[in-house]
Protein backbone atom coordinates (compact mmCIF):
# COMPACT_ATOMS: atom_id res chain seq x y z
CA MET A 1 -4.29 -27.86 0.20
CA GLU A 2 -2.90 -24.99 2.25
CA THR A 3 -4.26 -21.53 1.48
CA TYR A 4 -1.77 -18.78 0.62
CA LYS A 5 -2.67 -15.64 2.57
CA ILE A 6 -1.93 -12.11 1.39
CA ILE A 7 -2.89 -8.94 3.27
CA GLY A 8 -3.17 -5.49 1.75
CA PHE A 9 -2.30 -3.04 4.52
CA GLY A 10 -3.09 0.56 3.72
CA ASP A 11 -5.62 3.37 3.46
CA SER A 12 -8.73 4.06 1.36
CA ILE A 13 -7.09 3.24 -1.97
CA THR A 14 -6.16 -0.19 -0.63
CA LEU A 15 -9.72 -0.46 0.67
CA GLY A 16 -10.88 0.07 -2.91
CA ALA A 17 -12.25 3.61 -2.84
CA LYS A 18 -13.86 4.77 -6.11
CA ALA A 19 -13.85 1.30 -7.66
CA ARG A 20 -17.42 0.14 -8.29
CA ASN A 21 -16.76 -3.03 -6.31
CA TYR A 22 -13.92 -5.23 -5.03
CA GLU A 23 -13.43 -6.83 -8.43
CA TYR A 24 -12.32 -3.48 -9.87
CA SER A 25 -10.13 -2.42 -6.94
CA TRP A 26 -6.39 -2.94 -7.19
CA LEU A 27 -6.45 -5.70 -4.59
CA GLY A 28 -9.28 -7.44 -6.43
CA VAL A 29 -7.50 -7.18 -9.77
CA LEU A 30 -4.25 -8.36 -8.19
CA ALA A 31 -5.93 -11.37 -6.59
CA LYS A 32 -7.19 -12.50 -10.01
CA GLN A 33 -3.76 -12.00 -11.56
CA ILE A 34 -2.00 -14.00 -8.87
CA GLN A 35 -4.55 -16.82 -8.82
CA LEU A 36 -3.91 -17.46 -12.52
CA PHE A 37 -0.39 -18.61 -11.64
CA LEU A 38 -0.86 -19.99 -8.13
CA LYS A 39 -1.92 -23.62 -7.90
CA GLN A 40 -2.93 -23.39 -4.24
CA PRO A 41 -5.96 -21.44 -2.99
CA LEU A 42 -5.47 -17.74 -2.34
CA GLU A 43 -7.01 -15.66 0.43
CA MET A 44 -6.64 -11.92 -0.17
CA ILE A 45 -7.41 -9.97 3.01
CA ASN A 46 -8.18 -6.29 2.71
CA ALA A 47 -6.81 -4.37 5.71
CA GLY A 48 -7.32 -0.97 4.12
CA VAL A 49 -8.99 1.76 6.19
CA GLY A 50 -10.19 5.04 4.75
CA ASP A 51 -8.49 8.23 5.98
CA ASN A 52 -6.05 6.14 8.00
CA THR A 53 -2.52 7.30 8.88
CA ILE A 54 0.74 5.70 9.91
CA SER A 55 0.70 6.54 13.64
CA THR A 56 -0.53 8.83 16.39
CA ARG A 57 2.45 11.09 15.60
CA THR A 58 0.90 12.05 12.26
CA THR A 59 0.19 15.76 11.98
CA ASN A 60 -3.55 16.35 12.51
CA TYR A 61 -3.92 12.75 13.68
CA GLN A 62 -7.09 13.74 15.51
CA GLU A 63 -8.77 14.29 12.13
CA SER A 64 -7.92 10.82 10.82
CA THR A 65 -9.66 7.48 11.18
CA LYS A 66 -8.48 5.55 14.23
CA PRO A 67 -6.68 3.36 15.09
CA SER A 68 -3.52 4.16 13.14
CA ALA A 69 -1.48 1.63 11.20
CA LEU A 70 0.97 1.13 14.06
CA ASP A 71 -1.90 0.69 16.50
CA ARG A 72 -3.55 -2.02 14.43
CA VAL A 73 -0.57 -3.85 12.93
CA GLU A 74 -0.65 -6.58 15.58
CA LYS A 75 -4.38 -7.32 15.36
CA ASP A 76 -4.89 -6.78 11.64
CA ILE A 77 -1.65 -8.29 10.34
CA ILE A 78 0.50 -10.24 12.78
CA HIS A 79 -2.31 -12.23 14.40
CA LYS A 80 -3.53 -13.37 10.97
CA ARG A 81 -0.17 -14.95 10.08
CA PRO A 82 -0.04 -13.96 6.41
CA ASP A 83 2.46 -15.24 3.86
CA MET A 84 2.75 -11.83 2.20
CA VAL A 85 1.94 -8.25 3.22
CA LEU A 86 1.50 -5.40 0.77
CA VAL A 87 2.47 -2.31 2.77
CA SER A 88 0.99 0.89 1.33
CA TRP A 89 1.32 4.05 3.41
CA GLY A 90 2.15 7.71 3.00
CA LEU A 91 -0.64 9.37 1.02
CA ASN A 92 -2.67 10.62 3.99
CA ASP A 93 0.37 11.39 6.12
CA MET A 94 1.72 13.49 3.27
CA ARG A 95 -1.63 15.24 2.83
CA PHE A 96 -1.78 16.05 6.54
CA GLY A 97 1.71 17.56 6.41
CA THR A 98 3.52 15.01 8.56
CA PRO A 99 7.31 15.53 8.48
CA VAL A 100 9.01 12.94 6.30
CA GLU A 101 11.36 11.95 9.12
CA ILE A 102 8.46 10.98 11.40
CA PHE A 103 6.70 9.04 8.66
CA LYS A 104 9.89 7.16 7.79
CA GLN A 105 10.55 6.22 11.42
CA ASP A 106 7.03 4.91 11.88
CA LEU A 107 7.00 2.97 8.61
CA GLU A 108 10.30 1.40 9.61
CA GLU A 109 8.78 0.40 12.94
CA ILE A 110 6.02 -1.43 11.06
CA ILE A 111 8.63 -3.21 8.94
CA LEU A 112 10.61 -4.22 12.02
CA GLN A 113 7.52 -5.54 13.81
CA LEU A 114 6.44 -7.58 10.81
CA ASN A 115 9.90 -9.06 10.28
CA SER A 116 10.25 -9.83 13.98
CA HIS A 117 6.90 -11.58 14.42
CA LEU A 118 6.61 -13.04 10.91
CA PRO A 119 10.19 -14.04 10.00
CA ASN A 120 9.14 -15.84 6.79
CA VAL A 121 6.73 -13.21 5.49
CA ILE A 122 7.26 -11.59 2.10
CA LEU A 123 6.90 -7.81 2.32
CA ILE A 124 6.21 -5.54 -0.63
CA LEU A 125 6.47 -1.78 -0.12
CA ILE A 126 4.18 0.37 -2.26
CA ASN A 127 5.05 4.02 -2.61
CA VAL A 128 2.75 7.05 -2.64
CA TYR A 129 0.28 7.20 -5.51
CA HIS A 130 -0.21 10.11 -7.89
CA MET A 131 -3.01 12.52 -6.95
CA THR A 132 -4.12 15.99 -8.02
CA GLY A 133 -6.30 17.53 -5.29
CA PHE A 134 -3.56 18.84 -3.03
CA ASN A 135 -5.53 21.98 -2.13
CA ARG A 136 -8.74 20.17 -1.13
CA TYR A 137 -10.24 18.82 2.11
CA PRO A 138 -8.42 20.79 4.85
CA PRO A 139 -6.53 19.95 6.98
CA ARG A 140 -5.64 17.35 4.32
CA ASP A 141 -4.32 20.11 2.08
CA GLN A 142 -0.69 20.25 3.19
CA GLY A 143 0.79 18.02 0.49
CA SER A 144 2.36 18.68 -2.89
CA LEU A 145 4.12 16.93 -5.73
CA LEU A 146 7.46 17.84 -4.15
CA PHE A 147 6.37 16.49 -0.77
CA THR A 148 5.24 13.29 -2.48
CA GLU A 149 8.70 12.92 -4.01
CA HIS A 150 10.29 13.32 -0.57
CA TYR A 151 8.00 10.64 0.84
CA ASN A 152 8.77 8.30 -2.02
CA GLN A 153 12.48 8.82 -1.53
CA ALA A 154 12.08 7.81 2.13
CA ILE A 155 10.15 4.68 1.13
CA LYS A 156 12.80 3.84 -1.47
CA GLU A 157 15.52 4.16 1.17
CA LEU A 158 13.67 1.83 3.56
CA ALA A 159 13.15 -0.70 0.78
CA SER A 160 16.88 -0.67 0.07
CA GLU A 161 17.95 -0.75 3.73
CA HIS A 162 15.67 -3.70 4.56
CA ASN A 163 16.01 -5.51 1.22
CA ILE A 164 12.28 -5.27 0.46
CA PRO A 165 10.89 -5.14 -3.09
CA LEU A 166 9.39 -1.77 -3.98
CA ALA A 167 6.31 -1.48 -6.17
CA ASN A 168 6.85 1.91 -7.77
CA VAL A 169 3.25 2.87 -8.50
CA TRP A 170 4.27 6.54 -8.61
CA LYS A 171 6.44 5.84 -11.65
CA SER A 172 3.83 3.61 -13.29
CA MET A 173 1.07 6.22 -12.93
CA ASN A 174 3.47 8.70 -14.58
CA CYS A 175 1.60 11.73 -13.15
CA LYS A 176 -1.27 11.06 -15.57
CA ASP A 177 -4.32 12.86 -14.23
CA HIS A 178 -6.73 10.67 -16.20
CA LEU A 179 -5.91 7.86 -13.72
CA ILE A 180 -7.37 9.89 -10.84
CA HIS A 181 -10.99 10.07 -9.73
CA GLU A 182 -12.66 13.47 -9.93
CA ASP A 183 -12.23 13.84 -6.16
CA GLY A 184 -8.53 14.45 -6.85
CA VAL A 185 -7.28 11.95 -4.28
CA HIS A 186 -8.21 8.40 -5.20
CA ALA A 187 -7.35 6.33 -8.24
CA ASN A 188 -10.20 5.68 -10.64
CA GLU A 189 -10.73 2.15 -11.94
CA LEU A 190 -8.07 2.57 -14.61
CA GLY A 191 -5.72 3.82 -11.90
CA HIS A 192 -6.54 0.79 -9.76
CA GLN A 193 -5.64 -1.41 -12.74
CA ILE A 194 -2.26 0.31 -13.11
CA ILE A 195 -1.56 -0.11 -9.39
CA ALA A 196 -2.46 -3.81 -9.52
CA ASN A 197 -0.27 -4.37 -12.58
CA THR A 198 2.68 -2.68 -10.89
CA VAL A 199 2.35 -4.70 -7.70
CA PHE A 200 1.93 -7.93 -9.68
CA ASN A 201 5.00 -7.19 -11.79
CA THR A 202 7.00 -6.52 -8.63
CA ILE A 203 5.88 -9.76 -7.02
CA ALA A 204 6.54 -11.76 -10.19
CA THR A 205 10.00 -10.34 -10.91
CA GLU A 206 11.43 -9.49 -7.49
CA THR A 207 10.26 -12.46 -5.43
CA ASP A 208 10.28 -16.17 -6.20
CA PHE A 209 6.96 -17.03 -4.60
CA LEU A 210 5.18 -17.60 -7.91
CA GLN A 211 7.99 -19.42 -9.67
CA PRO A 212 7.51 -22.93 -8.24
CA ASN A 213 3.78 -22.73 -8.92
CA VAL A 214 3.75 -21.36 -12.44
CA MET A 215 1.52 -23.35 -14.77
CA THR A 216 3.39 -24.81 -17.72
């Protein structure tokens, strides 16, 4: 039986930061949720990288983990031929102070590359998570709640323009600080659960990939 392949493409929160292990990360929780309703085997690939940014044009890029998302999209995503990609960017770019226009252009370039090379792939855009520690970890201290809202508006516009489902984790987290780890940046395990639930709900209600395989 063919294996269904999903890739989570993002930063440290996608990687699973502050969850005790993969099982408690949002990708791990999501994999269990999906497998309950998917008759075929599932391979969930974690392409999250801590302190990663969208591109070399990110403000303070030299301080980030290399290579950037745009620099690794071919190797980490396209070459693996996934059926679905969960695209989660913006938190670090926002924290570094990258202009929204640059971030939006580079995220759109990722979307265009994925659609060009993987014409049948299902894309899910995930917007910027809630956080609290905006004044910590310079030069990663250039963000704000208002800046987050601008980023999320840009992601919403791209989702609409390219007809891509949007998992609105920002809305689901509802600015509740008890979902954030004490470091002020990453979701805690309850936050990871909320993220997973939001992405699962988006997949289940805004795509039809689960429908033919639902257990009755």
